[in-house]
PDB file of N, CA and C in Angstrom:
ATOM      1  N   MET A   1     -32.754  11.974 -10.291  1.00  0.00           N
ATOM      2  CA  MET A   1     -31.842  11.810  -8.863  1.00  0.00           C
ATOM      3  C   MET A   1     -30.640  10.891  -9.018  1.00  0.00           C
ATOM      4  N   PRO A   2     -29.751  11.514  -8.869  1.00  0.00           N
ATOM      5  CA  PRO A   2     -28.278  10.228  -8.902  1.00  0.00           C
ATOM      6  C   PRO A   2     -28.233   9.134  -7.996  1.00  0.00           C
ATOM      7  N   GLU A   3     -27.909   8.240  -8.151  1.00  0.00           N
ATOM      8  CA  GLU A   3     -27.736   6.696  -7.464  1.00  0.00           C
ATOM      9  C   GLU A   3     -27.150   6.500  -6.817  1.00  0.00           C
ATOM     10  N   GLU A   4     -27.875   6.377  -5.252  1.00  0.00           N
ATOM     11  CA  GLU A   4     -26.683   6.174  -4.108  1.00  0.00           C
ATOM     12  C   GLU A   4     -25.884   5.191  -4.609  1.00  0.00           C
ATOM     13  N   GLU A   5     -24.794   5.679  -3.963  1.00  0.00           N
ATOM     14  CA  GLU A   5     -23.302   4.315  -4.452  1.00  0.00           C
ATOM     15  C   GLU A   5     -23.347   3.578  -3.330  1.00  0.00           C
ATOM     16  N   SER A   6     -23.004   2.527  -3.701  1.00  0.00           N
ATOM     17  CA  SER A   6     -23.250   0.850  -2.728  1.00  0.00           C
ATOM     18  C   SER A   6     -21.966   0.688  -2.951  1.00  0.00           C
ATOM     19  N   ILE A   7     -21.883  -0.484  -1.697  1.00  0.00           N
ATOM     20  CA  ILE A   7     -20.517  -1.050  -1.774  1.00  0.00           C
ATOM     21  C   ILE A   7     -20.723  -2.180  -1.566  1.00  0.00           C
ATOM     22  N   ASP A   8     -19.876  -3.526  -2.300  1.00  0.00           N
ATOM     23  CA  ASP A   8     -19.510  -4.639  -2.261  1.00  0.00           C
ATOM     24  C   ASP A   8     -19.324  -4.858  -0.563  1.00  0.00           C
ATOM     25  N   ILE A   9     -19.074  -5.949   0.257  1.00  0.00           N
ATOM     26  CA  ILE A   9     -18.301  -6.220   1.579  1.00  0.00           C
ATOM     27  C   ILE A   9     -18.546  -7.774   1.475  1.00  0.00           C
ATOM     28  N   LYS A  10     -17.415  -8.104   2.068  1.00  0.00           N
ATOM     29  CA  LYS A  10     -17.464  -9.361   2.735  1.00  0.00           C
ATOM     30  C   LYS A  10     -16.800  -9.142   3.973  1.00  0.00           C
ATOM     31  N   PHE A  11     -17.140 -10.203   4.999  1.00  0.00           N
ATOM     32  CA  PHE A  11     -16.412 -10.357   6.029  1.00  0.00           C
ATOM     33  C   PHE A  11     -15.558 -11.587   6.490  1.00  0.00           C
ATOM     34  N   ARG A  12     -14.335 -11.226   6.515  1.00  0.00           N
ATOM     35  CA  ARG A  12     -13.315 -12.461   6.965  1.00  0.00           C
ATOM     36  C   ARG A  12     -13.256 -12.258   8.631  1.00  0.00           C
ATOM     37  N   LEU A  13     -13.952 -13.918   8.676  1.00  0.00           N
ATOM     38  CA  LEU A  13     -13.911 -14.567   9.823  1.00  0.00           C
ATOM     39  C   LEU A  13     -12.312 -14.898  10.966  1.00  0.00           C
ATOM     40  N   TYR A  14     -12.197 -15.263  11.939  1.00  0.00           N
ATOM     41  CA  TYR A  14     -10.968 -15.828  12.284  1.00  0.00           C
ATOM     42  C   TYR A  14      -9.979 -16.792  11.927  1.00  0.00           C
ATOM     43  N   ASP A  15     -11.219 -17.416  11.355  1.00  0.00           N
ATOM     44  CA  ASP A  15     -10.227 -18.845  10.813  1.00  0.00           C
ATOM     45  C   ASP A  15     -10.267 -19.140   9.172  1.00  0.00           C
ATOM     46  N   GLY A  16     -10.772 -17.863   8.965  1.00  0.00           N
ATOM     47  CA  GLY A  16     -10.079 -17.865   7.035  1.00  0.00           C
ATOM     48  C   GLY A  16     -11.341 -17.646   6.280  1.00  0.00           C
ATOM     49  N   SER A  17     -12.588 -18.046   6.757  1.00  0.00           N
ATOM     50  CA  SER A  17     -14.003 -18.187   6.511  1.00  0.00           C
ATOM     51  C   SER A  17     -14.264 -16.732   6.241  1.00  0.00           C
ATOM     52  N   ASP A  18     -15.378 -16.781   5.209  1.00  0.00           N
ATOM     53  CA  ASP A  18     -15.992 -15.367   4.888  1.00  0.00           C
ATOM     54  C   ASP A  18     -17.378 -15.633   4.813  1.00  0.00           C
ATOM     55  N   ILE A  19     -18.002 -14.708   5.496  1.00  0.00           N
ATOM     56  CA  ILE A  19     -19.731 -13.854   5.108  1.00  0.00           C
ATOM     57  C   ILE A  19     -19.894 -13.131   4.012  1.00  0.00           C
ATOM     58  N   GLY A  20     -20.245 -13.102   3.097  1.00  0.00           N
ATOM     59  CA  GLY A  20     -20.883 -12.687   2.229  1.00  0.00           C
ATOM     60  C   GLY A  20     -20.082 -12.962   1.242  1.00  0.00           C
ATOM     61  N   PRO A  21     -19.939 -12.144   0.166  1.00  0.00           N
ATOM     62  CA  PRO A  21     -20.258 -10.316  -0.136  1.00  0.00           C
ATOM     63  C   PRO A  21     -21.597 -10.225   0.206  1.00  0.00           C
ATOM     64  N   PHE A  22     -21.820  -8.712   0.556  1.00  0.00           N
ATOM     65  CA  PHE A  22     -23.154  -8.219   0.683  1.00  0.00           C
ATOM     66  C   PHE A  22     -22.710  -6.839  -0.195  1.00  0.00           C
ATOM     67  N   ARG A  23     -23.935  -6.452  -0.155  1.00  0.00           N
ATOM     68  CA  ARG A  23     -23.809  -5.041  -1.395  1.00  0.00           C
ATOM     69  C   ARG A  23     -24.457  -4.402  -0.059  1.00  0.00           C
ATOM     70  N   TYR A  24     -24.128  -3.112   0.239  1.00  0.00           N
ATOM     71  CA  TYR A  24     -24.378  -2.132   1.814  1.00  0.00           C
ATOM     72  C   TYR A  24     -24.586  -0.921   0.489  1.00  0.00           C
ATOM     73  N   SER A  25     -25.226   0.381   1.326  1.00  0.00           N
ATOM     74  CA  SER A  25     -25.230   1.433   0.886  1.00  0.00           C
ATOM     75  C   SER A  25     -24.162   2.382   1.448  1.00  0.00           C
ATOM     76  N   ALA A  26     -23.828   3.413   1.105  1.00  0.00           N
ATOM     77  CA  ALA A  26     -22.284   4.044   1.394  1.00  0.00           C
ATOM     78  C   ALA A  26     -23.009   4.525   2.932  1.00  0.00           C
ATOM     79  N   ALA A  27     -24.232   4.879   2.864  1.00  0.00           N
ATOM     80  CA  ALA A  27     -24.777   5.580   4.037  1.00  0.00           C
ATOM     81  C   ALA A  27     -25.013   4.462   5.274  1.00  0.00           C
ATOM     82  N   SER A  28     -24.938   3.230   5.256  1.00  0.00           N
ATOM     83  CA  SER A  28     -24.552   2.506   6.073  1.00  0.00           C
ATOM     84  C   SER A  28     -23.733   2.743   7.213  1.00  0.00           C
ATOM     85  N   THR A  29     -24.289   1.921   8.534  1.00  0.00           N
ATOM     86  CA  THR A  29     -23.344   2.927   9.358  1.00  0.00           C
ATOM     87  C   THR A  29     -22.935   1.250  10.008  1.00  0.00           C
ATOM     88  N   VAL A  30     -21.368   1.964  10.537  1.00  0.00           N
ATOM     89  CA  VAL A  30     -20.620   0.093  11.163  1.00  0.00           C
ATOM     90  C   VAL A  30     -21.463  -0.310  12.031  1.00  0.00           C
ATOM     91  N   ASP A  31     -22.167   0.271  12.543  1.00  0.00           N
ATOM     92  CA  ASP A  31     -23.299  -0.879  13.905  1.00  0.00           C
ATOM     93  C   ASP A  31     -24.036  -1.138  13.109  1.00  0.00           C
ATOM     94  N   PHE A  32     -24.579  -0.886  11.992  1.00  0.00           N
ATOM     95  CA  PHE A  32     -25.312  -2.120  11.148  1.00  0.00           C
ATOM     96  C   PHE A  32     -24.559  -3.435  11.029  1.00  0.00           C
ATOM     97  N   LEU A  33     -23.376  -2.810  10.197  1.00  0.00           N
ATOM     98  CA  LEU A  33     -22.474  -4.244   9.667  1.00  0.00           C
ATOM     99  C   LEU A  33     -22.372  -5.326  10.691  1.00  0.00           C
ATOM    100  N   LYS A  34     -22.198  -4.863  11.766  1.00  0.00           N
ATOM    101  CA  LYS A  34     -21.827  -5.331  13.189  1.00  0.00           C
ATOM    102  C   LYS A  34     -23.235  -6.259  12.910  1.00  0.00           C
ATOM    103  N   GLN A  35     -24.097  -6.092  13.214  1.00  0.00           N
ATOM    104  CA  GLN A  35     -25.637  -6.624  13.608  1.00  0.00           C
ATOM    105  C   GLN A  35     -25.908  -7.724  12.164  1.00  0.00           C
ATOM    106  N   ARG A  36     -25.451  -7.434  10.914  1.00  0.00           N
ATOM    107  CA  ARG A  36     -25.230  -8.478  10.188  1.00  0.00           C
ATOM    108  C   ARG A  36     -24.494  -9.287  10.163  1.00  0.00           C
ATOM    109  N   VAL A  37     -23.283  -9.097  10.910  1.00  0.00           N
ATOM    110  CA  VAL A  37     -22.397 -10.297  11.334  1.00  0.00           C
ATOM    111  C   VAL A  37     -22.694 -10.878  12.172  1.00  0.00           C
ATOM    112  N   VAL A  38     -23.204 -10.542  13.053  1.00  0.00           N
ATOM    113  CA  VAL A  38     -23.688 -11.516  14.554  1.00  0.00           C
ATOM    114  C   VAL A  38     -24.739 -12.254  13.874  1.00  0.00           C
ATOM    115  N   SER A  39     -26.011 -11.748  13.323  1.00  0.00           N
ATOM    116  CA  SER A  39     -27.356 -12.505  13.005  1.00  0.00           C
ATOM    117  C   SER A  39     -26.590 -13.214  11.442  1.00  0.00           C
ATOM    118  N   ASP A  40     -25.822 -13.096  10.751  1.00  0.00           N
ATOM    119  CA  ASP A  40     -25.263 -14.584  10.048  1.00  0.00           C
ATOM    120  C   ASP A  40     -23.946 -15.145  10.038  1.00  0.00           C
ATOM    121  N   TRP A  41     -23.694 -14.966  11.713  1.00  0.00           N
ATOM    122  CA  TRP A  41     -22.531 -15.542  11.986  1.00  0.00           C
ATOM    123  C   TRP A  41     -22.884 -17.213  12.073  1.00  0.00           C
ATOM    124  N   PRO A  42     -21.968 -18.051  11.213  1.00  0.00           N
ATOM    125  CA  PRO A  42     -22.168 -19.536  10.675  1.00  0.00           C
ATOM    126  C   PRO A  42     -21.975 -20.347  12.138  1.00  0.00           C
ATOM    127  N   LYS A  43     -22.958 -21.191  11.671  1.00  0.00           N
ATOM    128  CA  LYS A  43     -23.335 -22.322  12.569  1.00  0.00           C
ATOM    129  C   LYS A  43     -21.941 -23.043  13.026  1.00  0.00           C
ATOM    130  N   GLY A  44     -21.738 -23.607  14.175  1.00  0.00           N
ATOM    131  CA  GLY A  44     -20.314 -24.632  14.331  1.00  0.00           C
ATOM    132  C   GLY A  44     -19.959 -23.939  15.193  1.00  0.00           C
ATOM    133  N   LYS A  45     -19.153 -22.677  14.661  1.00  0.00           N
ATOM    134  CA  LYS A  45     -18.086 -22.105  15.041  1.00  0.00           C
ATOM    135  C   LYS A  45     -17.709 -22.285  16.752  1.00  0.00           C
ATOM    136  N   THR A  46     -16.383 -22.378  16.892  1.00  0.00           N
ATOM    137  CA  THR A  46     -16.072 -22.224  18.469  1.00  0.00           C
ATOM    138  C   THR A  46     -15.832 -20.687  18.935  1.00  0.00           C
ATOM    139  N   VAL A  47     -16.092 -19.609  18.371  1.00  0.00           N
ATOM    140  CA  VAL A  47     -15.932 -18.444  18.931  1.00  0.00           C
ATOM    141  C   VAL A  47     -17.238 -18.045  17.970  1.00  0.00           C
ATOM    142  N   VAL A  48     -18.073 -17.581  19.012  1.00  0.00           N
ATOM    143  CA  VAL A  48     -19.893 -16.992  18.702  1.00  0.00           C
ATOM    144  C   VAL A  48     -20.068 -15.615  19.560  1.00  0.00           C
ATOM    145  N   PRO A  49     -20.249 -14.918  18.882  1.00  0.00           N
ATOM    146  CA  PRO A  49     -20.476 -13.321  19.421  1.00  0.00           C
ATOM    147  C   PRO A  49     -21.973 -13.336  20.160  1.00  0.00           C
ATOM    148  N   LYS A  50     -21.841 -13.163  21.170  1.00  0.00           N
ATOM    149  CA  LYS A  50     -23.076 -12.415  21.904  1.00  0.00           C
ATOM    150  C   LYS A  50     -23.786 -11.639  21.681  1.00  0.00           C
ATOM    151  N   GLY A  51     -23.401 -10.213  20.653  1.00  0.00           N
ATOM    152  CA  GLY A  51     -23.516  -9.171  20.632  1.00  0.00           C
ATOM    153  C   GLY A  51     -22.654  -8.388  19.815  1.00  0.00           C
ATOM    154  N   ILE A  52     -23.040  -7.028  19.531  1.00  0.00           N
ATOM    155  CA  ILE A  52     -22.202  -6.466  18.450  1.00  0.00           C
ATOM    156  C   ILE A  52     -21.362  -5.520  19.370  1.00  0.00           C
ATOM    157  N   ASN A  53     -21.444  -5.399  21.053  1.00  0.00           N
ATOM    158  CA  ASN A  53     -20.198  -4.895  21.369  1.00  0.00           C
ATOM    159  C   ASN A  53     -19.316  -5.959  21.503  1.00  0.00           C
ATOM    160  N   GLU A  54     -19.457  -7.474  21.059  1.00  0.00           N
ATOM    161  CA  GLU A  54     -17.824  -8.287  21.050  1.00  0.00           C
ATOM    162  C   GLU A  54     -17.232  -8.191  19.932  1.00  0.00           C
ATOM    163  N   VAL A  55     -18.058  -7.335  18.885  1.00  0.00           N
ATOM    164  CA  VAL A  55     -17.174  -7.560  17.305  1.00  0.00           C
ATOM    165  C   VAL A  55     -16.848  -6.196  17.429  1.00  0.00           C
ATOM    166  N   LYS A  56     -15.622  -6.723  16.571  1.00  0.00           N
ATOM    167  CA  LYS A  56     -14.860  -5.327  16.101  1.00  0.00           C
ATOM    168  C   LYS A  56     -14.481  -5.530  14.369  1.00  0.00           C
ATOM    169  N   LEU A  57     -14.805  -4.530  14.036  1.00  0.00           N
ATOM    170  CA  LEU A  57     -14.515  -4.762  12.346  1.00  0.00           C
ATOM    171  C   LEU A  57     -13.096  -3.774  12.195  1.00  0.00           C
ATOM    172  N   ILE A  58     -12.465  -4.522  11.242  1.00  0.00           N
ATOM    173  CA  ILE A  58     -11.085  -4.069  11.094  1.00  0.00           C
ATOM    174  C   ILE A  58     -11.134  -3.755   9.468  1.00  0.00           C
ATOM    175  N   SER A  59     -10.656  -2.373   8.633  1.00  0.00           N
ATOM    176  CA  SER A  59     -10.527  -2.366   7.419  1.00  0.00           C
ATOM    177  C   SER A  59      -9.201  -1.642   7.091  1.00  0.00           C
ATOM    178  N   SER A  60      -8.513  -1.673   6.434  1.00  0.00           N
ATOM    179  CA  SER A  60      -7.345  -0.789   5.978  1.00  0.00           C
ATOM    180  C   SER A  60      -6.182  -1.009   6.869  1.00  0.00           C
ATOM    181  N   GLY A  61      -6.947  -1.763   8.312  1.00  0.00           N
ATOM    182  CA  GLY A  61      -5.455  -2.087   9.226  1.00  0.00           C
ATOM    183  C   GLY A  61      -6.209  -1.373  10.273  1.00  0.00           C
ATOM    184  N   LYS A  62      -7.475  -0.506  10.486  1.00  0.00           N
ATOM    185  CA  LYS A  62      -8.070   0.378  11.235  1.00  0.00           C
ATOM    186  C   LYS A  62      -9.324  -0.311  11.931  1.00  0.00           C
ATOM    187  N   ILE A  63      -9.731   0.116  13.155  1.00  0.00           N
ATOM    188  CA  ILE A  63     -11.072  -0.426  13.835  1.00  0.00           C
ATOM    189  C   ILE A  63     -11.978   0.858  14.077  1.00  0.00           C
ATOM    190  N   LEU A  64     -13.029  -0.015  13.200  1.00  0.00           N
ATOM    191  CA  LEU A  64     -13.981   1.276  12.836  1.00  0.00           C
ATOM    192  C   LEU A  64     -14.875   1.309  13.723  1.00  0.00           C
ATOM    193  N   GLU A  65     -15.166   2.460  13.874  1.00  0.00           N
ATOM    194  CA  GLU A  65     -16.260   3.147  14.885  1.00  0.00           C
ATOM    195  C   GLU A  65     -17.626   2.586  14.806  1.00  0.00           C
ATOM    196  N   ASN A  66     -18.003   2.417  15.505  1.00  0.00           N
ATOM    197  CA  ASN A  66     -19.994   2.002  15.366  1.00  0.00           C
ATOM    198  C   ASN A  66     -20.739   3.199  14.519  1.00  0.00           C
ATOM    199  N   ASN A  67     -20.051   4.397  14.799  1.00  0.00           N
ATOM    200  CA  ASN A  67     -20.904   5.813  14.347  1.00  0.00           C
ATOM    201  C   ASN A  67     -20.247   6.060  13.041  1.00  0.00           C
ATOM    202  N   LYS A  68     -19.823   5.367  12.413  1.00  0.00           N
ATOM    203  CA  LYS A  68     -18.851   5.838  11.132  1.00  0.00           C
ATOM    204  C   LYS A  68     -19.840   5.249  10.045  1.00  0.00           C
ATOM    205  N   THR A  69     -19.812   5.887   8.640  1.00  0.00           N
ATOM    206  CA  THR A  69     -20.474   5.331   7.501  1.00  0.00           C
ATOM    207  C   THR A  69     -19.669   4.136   6.401  1.00  0.00           C
ATOM    208  N   VAL A  70     -20.220   3.349   5.760  1.00  0.00           N
ATOM    209  CA  VAL A  70     -19.615   2.735   4.931  1.00  0.00           C
ATOM    210  C   VAL A  70     -18.764   3.755   4.401  1.00  0.00           C
ATOM    211  N   GLY A  71     -19.476   4.572   3.805  1.00  0.00           N
ATOM    212  CA  GLY A  71     -18.227   5.516   2.977  1.00  0.00           C
ATOM    213  C   GLY A  71     -17.489   6.029   3.303  1.00  0.00           C
ATOM    214  N   GLN A  72     -17.293   6.870   4.647  1.00  0.00           N
ATOM    215  CA  GLN A  72     -16.083   6.616   5.618  1.00  0.00           C
ATOM    216  C   GLN A  72     -14.688   5.995   5.628  1.00  0.00           C
ATOM    217  N   CYS A  73     -15.803   4.650   5.806  1.00  0.00           N
ATOM    218  CA  CYS A  73     -14.442   3.792   5.728  1.00  0.00           C
ATOM    219  C   CYS A  73     -13.905   2.764   4.737  1.00  0.00           C
ATOM    220  N   LYS A  74     -14.517   3.512   3.481  1.00  0.00           N
ATOM    221  CA  LYS A  74     -14.355   2.674   2.286  1.00  0.00           C
ATOM    222  C   LYS A  74     -12.256   3.041   2.286  1.00  0.00           C
ATOM    223  N   ASN A  75     -11.757   1.981   1.401  1.00  0.00           N
ATOM    224  CA  ASN A  75      -9.883   2.011   1.126  1.00  0.00           C
ATOM    225  C   ASN A  75      -9.580   3.168   0.665  1.00  0.00           C
ATOM    226  N   PRO A  76      -8.947   3.903   1.039  1.00  0.00           N
ATOM    227  CA  PRO A  76      -8.310   5.181   0.156  1.00  0.00           C
ATOM    228  C   PRO A  76      -7.713   5.171  -1.086  1.00  0.00           C
ATOM    229  N   PHE A  77      -7.293   3.874  -1.214  1.00  0.00           N
ATOM    230  CA  PHE A  77      -6.304   3.329  -2.235  1.00  0.00           C
ATOM    231  C   PHE A  77      -7.449   3.006  -3.415  1.00  0.00           C
ATOM    232  N   GLY A  78      -8.510   2.855  -3.326  1.00  0.00           N
ATOM    233  CA  GLY A  78      -9.497   2.614  -4.928  1.00  0.00           C
ATOM    234  C   GLY A  78     -10.064   1.479  -4.843  1.00  0.00           C
ATOM    235  N   GLU A  79     -10.888   1.180  -5.602  1.00  0.00           N
ATOM    236  CA  GLU A  79     -11.272  -0.509  -4.895  1.00  0.00           C
ATOM    237  C   GLU A  79     -10.170  -1.502  -5.255  1.00  0.00           C
ATOM    238  N   THR A  80     -10.649  -2.472  -4.410  1.00  0.00           N
ATOM    239  CA  THR A  80      -9.711  -3.504  -4.616  1.00  0.00           C
ATOM    240  C   THR A  80     -10.407  -4.500  -5.912  1.00  0.00           C
ATOM    241  N   ALA A  81      -9.653  -5.909  -6.393  1.00  0.00           N
ATOM    242  CA  ALA A  81      -9.447  -6.650  -7.431  1.00  0.00           C
ATOM    243  C   ALA A  81     -10.943  -7.540  -6.861  1.00  0.00           C
ATOM    244  N   GLY A  82     -11.802  -7.036  -7.824  1.00  0.00           N
ATOM    245  CA  GLY A  82     -13.237  -7.519  -8.047  1.00  0.00           C
ATOM    246  C   GLY A  82     -14.321  -6.443  -7.809  1.00  0.00           C
ATOM    247  N   GLY A  83     -13.723  -5.397  -6.912  1.00  0.00           N
ATOM    248  CA  GLY A  83     -14.784  -4.557  -6.318  1.00  0.00           C
ATOM    249  C   GLY A  83     -15.163  -4.850  -5.163  1.00  0.00           C
ATOM    250  N   VAL A  84     -14.992  -5.854  -4.422  1.00  0.00           N
ATOM    251  CA  VAL A  84     -15.357  -6.338  -2.870  1.00  0.00           C
ATOM    252  C   VAL A  84     -14.388  -5.863  -1.965  1.00  0.00           C
ATOM    253  N   THR A  85     -14.308  -5.319  -1.076  1.00  0.00           N
ATOM    254  CA  THR A  85     -14.082  -5.022   0.395  1.00  0.00           C
ATOM    255  C   THR A  85     -13.938  -5.961   0.951  1.00  0.00           C
ATOM    256  N   VAL A  86     -12.993  -6.539   1.687  1.00  0.00           N
ATOM    257  CA  VAL A  86     -12.605  -7.034   2.446  1.00  0.00           C
ATOM    258  C   VAL A  86     -12.529  -6.539   3.745  1.00  0.00           C
ATOM    259  N   MET A  87     -13.504  -6.985   5.265  1.00  0.00           N
ATOM    260  CA  MET A  87     -13.409  -6.669   6.696  1.00  0.00           C
ATOM    261  C   MET A  87     -13.017  -7.396   7.374  1.00  0.00           C
ATOM    262  N   HIS A  88     -12.400  -7.528   7.999  1.00  0.00           N
ATOM    263  CA  HIS A  88     -11.758  -8.421   9.319  1.00  0.00           C
ATOM    264  C   HIS A  88     -12.365  -8.472  10.198  1.00  0.00           C
ATOM    265  N   VAL A  89     -12.945  -9.489  10.812  1.00  0.00           N
ATOM    266  CA  VAL A  89     -14.077  -9.598  12.187  1.00  0.00           C
ATOM    267  C   VAL A  89     -12.945 -10.172  13.149  1.00  0.00           C
ATOM    268  N   VAL A  90     -12.844  -9.133  14.472  1.00  0.00           N
ATOM    269  CA  VAL A  90     -12.432  -9.606  15.707  1.00  0.00           C
ATOM    270  C   VAL A  90     -13.077 -10.154  16.761  1.00  0.00           C
ATOM    271  N   VAL A  91     -13.693 -10.970  17.377  1.00  0.00           N
ATOM    272  CA  VAL A  91     -14.598 -11.425  18.356  1.00  0.00           C
ATOM    273  C   VAL A  91     -13.754 -11.462  19.735  1.00  0.00           C
ATOM    274  N   GLN A  92     -14.478 -10.428  20.784  1.00  0.00           N
ATOM    275  CA  GLN A  92     -13.234 -10.473  21.784  1.00  0.00           C
ATOM    276  C   GLN A  92     -14.471 -10.459  23.231  1.00  0.00           C
ATOM    277  N   PRO A  93     -14.743 -11.639  23.572  1.00  0.00           N
ATOM    278  CA  PRO A  93     -15.943 -11.786  24.459  1.00  0.00           C
ATOM    279  C   PRO A  93     -15.633 -10.717  25.547  1.00  0.00           C
ATOM    280  N   SER A  94     -16.778 -10.418  26.193  1.00  0.00           N
ATOM    281  CA  SER A  94     -16.565  -9.322  27.403  1.00  0.00           C
ATOM    282  C   SER A  94     -15.578  -9.714  28.661  1.00  0.00           C
ATOM    283  N   LEU A  95     -15.647  -9.183  29.192  1.00  0.00           N
ATOM    284  CA  LEU A  95     -14.036  -9.457  30.257  1.00  0.00           C
ATOM    285  C   LEU A  95     -15.034  -9.562  31.823  1.00  0.00           C
ATOM    286  N   ALA A  96     -16.603  -9.510  31.775  1.00  0.00           N
ATOM    287  CA  ALA A  96     -16.891  -9.182  32.987  1.00  0.00           C
ATOM    288  C   ALA A  96     -16.839 -10.540  33.545  1.00  0.00           C
ATOM    289  N   LYS A  97     -16.601 -11.908  33.195  1.00  0.00           N
ATOM    290  CA  LYS A  97     -16.087 -12.962  33.969  1.00  0.00           C
ATOM    291  C   LYS A  97     -15.080 -12.781  34.834  1.00  0.00           C
ATOM    292  N   THR A  98     -13.970 -12.436  33.921  1.00  0.00           N
ATOM    293  CA  THR A  98     -12.856 -12.882  34.370  1.00  0.00           C
ATOM    294  C   THR A  98     -12.532 -11.352  35.654  1.00  0.00           C
ATOM    295  N   LYS A  99     -13.276 -10.384  35.088  1.00  0.00           N
ATOM    296  CA  LYS A  99     -12.910  -9.628  36.690  1.00  0.00           C
ATOM    297  C   LYS A  99     -13.111 -10.040  38.227  1.00  0.00           C
ATOM    298  N   THR A 100     -14.155 -11.103  38.113  1.00  0.00           N
ATOM    299  CA  THR A 100     -14.781 -11.077  39.037  1.00  0.00           C
ATOM    300  C   THR A 100     -13.972 -12.113  39.579  1.00  0.00           C
ATOM    301  N   GLU A 101     -13.933 -13.232  38.650  1.00  0.00           N
ATOM    302  CA  GLU A 101     -12.989 -14.423  39.235  1.00  0.00           C
ATOM    303  C   GLU A 101     -11.566 -14.416  39.209  1.00  0.00           C
ATOM    304  N   LYS A 102     -10.975 -13.276  40.117  1.00  0.00           N
ATOM    305  CA  LYS A 102      -9.940 -12.863  40.236  1.00  0.00           C
ATOM    306  C   LYS A 102      -9.029 -13.507  41.403  1.00  0.00           C
ATOM    307  N   LYS A 103      -7.813 -13.865  41.220  1.00  0.00           N
ATOM    308  CA  LYS A 103      -7.773 -15.262  42.422  1.00  0.00           C
ATOM    309  C   LYS A 103      -6.888 -14.430  43.652  1.00  0.00           C
ATOM    310  N   VAL A 104      -7.564 -14.762  44.717  1.00  0.00           N
ATOM    311  CA  VAL A 104      -6.757 -13.876  46.191  1.00  0.00           C
ATOM    312  C   VAL A 104      -5.581 -14.917  46.413  1.00  0.00           C
ATOM    313  N   ASP A 105      -4.419 -14.424  46.372  1.00  0.00           N
ATOM    314  CA  ASP A 105      -3.515 -15.035  47.354  1.00  0.00           C
ATOM    315  C   ASP A 105      -3.361 -14.907  48.766  1.00  0.00           C
ATOM    316  N   LYS A 106      -4.136 -15.998  49.552  1.00  0.00           N
ATOM    317  CA  LYS A 106      -3.972 -15.534  51.260  1.00  0.00           C
ATOM    318  C   LYS A 106      -2.805 -15.367  51.691  1.00  0.00           C
ATOM    319  N   ALA A 107      -1.563 -16.226  51.448  1.00  0.00           N
ATOM    320  CA  ALA A 107      -0.078 -16.046  51.661  1.00  0.00           C
ATOM    321  C   ALA A 107       0.637 -14.834  51.907  1.00  0.00           C
ATOM    322  N   PRO A 108       0.200 -14.535  53.071  1.00  0.00           N
ATOM    323  CA  PRO A 108       1.194 -13.444  53.294  1.00  0.00           C
ATOM    324  C   PRO A 108       3.000 -13.039  52.488  1.00  0.00           C
ATOM    325  N   LYS A 109       3.105 -11.918  52.452  1.00  0.00           N
ATOM    326  CA  LYS A 109       3.765 -11.777  51.092  1.00  0.00           C
ATOM    327  C   LYS A 109       5.424 -10.804  52.257  1.00  0.00           C
ATOM    328  N   ALA A 110       6.356 -11.951  52.422  1.00  0.00           N
ATOM    329  CA  ALA A 110       7.670 -11.249  52.633  1.00  0.00           C
ATOM    330  C   ALA A 110       8.143 -10.428  52.052  1.00  0.00           C
ATOM    331  N   VAL A 111       8.848  -9.427  52.451  1.00  0.00           N
ATOM    332  CA  VAL A 111       9.776  -8.813  52.256  1.00  0.00           C
ATOM    333  C   VAL A 111      11.041  -9.149  52.638  1.00  0.00           C
ATOM    334  N   ILE A 112      12.063  -9.487  51.377  1.00  0.00           N
ATOM    335  CA  ILE A 112      13.511 -10.096  51.892  1.00  0.00           C
ATOM    336  C   ILE A 112      14.577  -9.063  50.775  1.00  0.00           C
ATOM    337  N   CYS A 113      15.418  -8.786  51.287  1.00  0.00           N
ATOM    338  CA  CYS A 113      16.347  -8.076  50.907  1.00  0.00           C
ATOM    339  C   CYS A 113      17.926  -8.619  51.103  1.00  0.00           C
ATOM    340  N   THR A 114      18.558  -9.070  49.979  1.00  0.00           N
ATOM    341  CA  THR A 114      19.062  -9.847  49.806  1.00  0.00           C
ATOM    342  C   THR A 114      20.762  -9.167  49.159  1.00  0.00           C
ATOM    343  N   CYS A 115      20.530  -7.626  49.306  1.00  0.00           N
ATOM    344  CA  CYS A 115      21.774  -6.514  48.946  1.00  0.00           C
ATOM    345  C   CYS A 115      23.076  -6.731  49.971  1.00  0.00           C
ATOM    346  N   THR A 116      23.998  -7.005  49.068  1.00  0.00           N
ATOM    347  CA  THR A 116      25.362  -6.586  50.505  1.00  0.00           C
ATOM    348  C   THR A 116      25.676  -5.503  49.754  1.00  0.00           C
ATOM    349  N   ILE A 117      26.683  -4.444  50.329  1.00  0.00           N
ATOM    350  CA  ILE A 117      27.429  -3.199  49.770  1.00  0.00           C
ATOM    351  C   ILE A 117      28.035  -3.437  50.625  1.00  0.00           C
ATOM    352  N   LEU A 118      29.641  -3.535  49.566  1.00  0.00           N
ATOM    353  CA  LEU A 118      31.007  -4.068  50.416  1.00  0.00           C
ATOM    354  C   LEU A 118      32.126  -3.031  50.604  1.00  0.00           C
TER     355      LEU A 118
END
């Protein structure tokens, strides 16, 4: 039985600090990686994801889709120095609060035309 391929991945956070590296199976999904990032998020950070929907993983300049496997997201240019793949972590808080807090301008808008044709 052939040995299953494994990949070392570390996650680079917004402030330059890292989580990992950890060894993952090539069959692991991006969704699984996001769960690991959220559960291992360092204490004391100003930005903290509330769930995996707020986390985006970027590898080789591409945002990774939840249903892709680690093997499908591997760097096409070969292994990096030290054999560790770096994935950048972006936290985007949900927009539910900002949509409900829209400013309502109660002042009527006047139409003013200042065009002059000579």
